[in-house]
């Protein structure tokens, strides 16, 4: 008879831990049964409980040892069954049954459930076609916990319990920042991704690697391919790795770092700053740490260790390296570089190729949802699992949920039908929401012979506010909402500010908020702004605000209620002058531009009313109107 669980969670990450915590908080509301309330199937090996993966690019690289002391796991409540080293191979939602394989023995088994929560997260995109899962990539960094007499760790291979032996004979594995085959997996020329603590262990070792004689003679940089938030945090951390200066080169496929955050659908007005200028501010902070950038190039392949000859490379200003003439690269001496000697990149526009030497390569190419086993469900274009407003998947039973990075959610406040929200906050909020959905559903008596789990359940639908946060160097920023429409920086002059905001405006509503250096209270206000989406009366007035002024009264620019025939006119002479300067210079503007100016200031006239206003402004037909004349006429 297969094993049984009331709520089965597939995945051993952040979302799984918060599902378990939220379920157990309400366990007393359910009748007691012999089944475990929550069972977690985790592909991580024994000894690795769910942990906050968002700290990998921050705290983990500072650790000299990765274990429960230096990198604590999220606490699982009593009564939660964590089955480690279990890889799900098949799901039969009609029979409410999941088949899984033991990562060590290869044996398969089955477990049934009442509710299934898919929390498999995402895996790193790779250059090759090899899967990127723990059991395939990290067998060399898990040991059996043995320690030398002197108290230092020694290298030892994983030692699972022999068949039939008691479980106690296999000590709990631990993670350490080095592996058994260091020359191959974390030595010179090694290639890395950064998705879990095993990756952090290898990156840490590779960055600090020295020659066999203990000398530090390799001057090649650590090369990071990618331009997202992970790249920024990783570059800053490695450039000042454990108090040392480490050369770092970042390869960007776009013209800026973090293009998914600092995007703009509408170009800023002439002379105004925009999202690209804010991105350049963060790039300059990294350059100060010794980071160099290669822009608008894509990584074609690894530079093979046996590949020598004359190749162009990249040199020049750190903010944007340029292609050089070919130079001679001799064959490698010794066995230090066993995987590659760097990467080959191609210019997005000219298709010219350059060879970049590297001490080691870190590929931050994005991620892909782990949804292969659940392909019978409706999937989005990026292979994430589509869910409805209650985080239920497309299966007709209504008993299959998806949470965290593997799912795409409907956003009622957005024009987009579904969207992935790959961030810790969303993993937490979806996990808690779905746990409550499961409890509420299981409290209702089921009707034999029916599939009634999709019937309406009390409570509000899941309506998240997208959130991203990052702390790097002396910077601390948060983003809430959607970055669509026009990006308007407030309090930002492009220099060394440590406090400013960027606000995205779509259809005269503030739909996204980015805040650098704000207080906790101001961050909460930004979240409320993204939730409320306040309306604006006039863009020119909004652009002239300081960041703290808008945060102090985010509803202050909402248009008032108007009666028949009324319109909301701008009556502040300061903002009238700002709007006037858009259409003229030196206090003078063409008469034919006054119609657009008046509309900018709130006028809502028909063609005849506009002609009458123009005749009043320019009775002599001079085709010129002064700021003084217009202001006096407009205000009176």
Foldseek 3Di string as FASTA:
>chain_A
DAAEAAEEEEEFELLLQLLQVLLVVCVVLFDDDPHQHYEYEYLAAFQDGYFALVCLLPQLLQDQWFHCVSGNHRDGDPRYHYDYQWAWQAADVVQQKTKTARLPPRDIGMYHYNFYEYEHAWAFDDPDDDDDDCSVQQQFFKDQPDADPVGHRDGDGQDADPPPDDRVVRHGITGGLAGDCCLADQFFQHEAERRGSSRSSSPSCNLPHDDPVRDRDDQAAAEEEEAAPSVLSNLQCSCCPVNDGGAYEYEELAAFHRCQVLDAPDDDDVPADGSRLVRVLSLVVSVVSRYAYAHNKHFDFFAALQDWAWFWAWADDRPHTDTDGTDGDDRDPDSNNPGGQFTWIAHNPPRDIGTGGHRYYYYRPDIAAPCVNPVVWDADPSRAFEAELQQFTPDPLSRYGYFEQRYWYQAPVDPDGTGGQHDSVRSNVSSSSNSVLSSQLSSDDDDPPDSCSPPDTDDDGDHDWRKDWDDGDPKTKIKTFHQYHGKAKAQDDSHPDQWTKIFHADPQWTQMIMTMPDDPVLVVLRNVSNVVRAGADADLVVNPDHPVVCSVPVNPRHDDDDDPPDKQFDLDLVSLVSLVVVADPPQKHFLVCVVVSRVNRIDDDDPVVSVVVSCVQCVPPPRMGGSVSVSVVRND
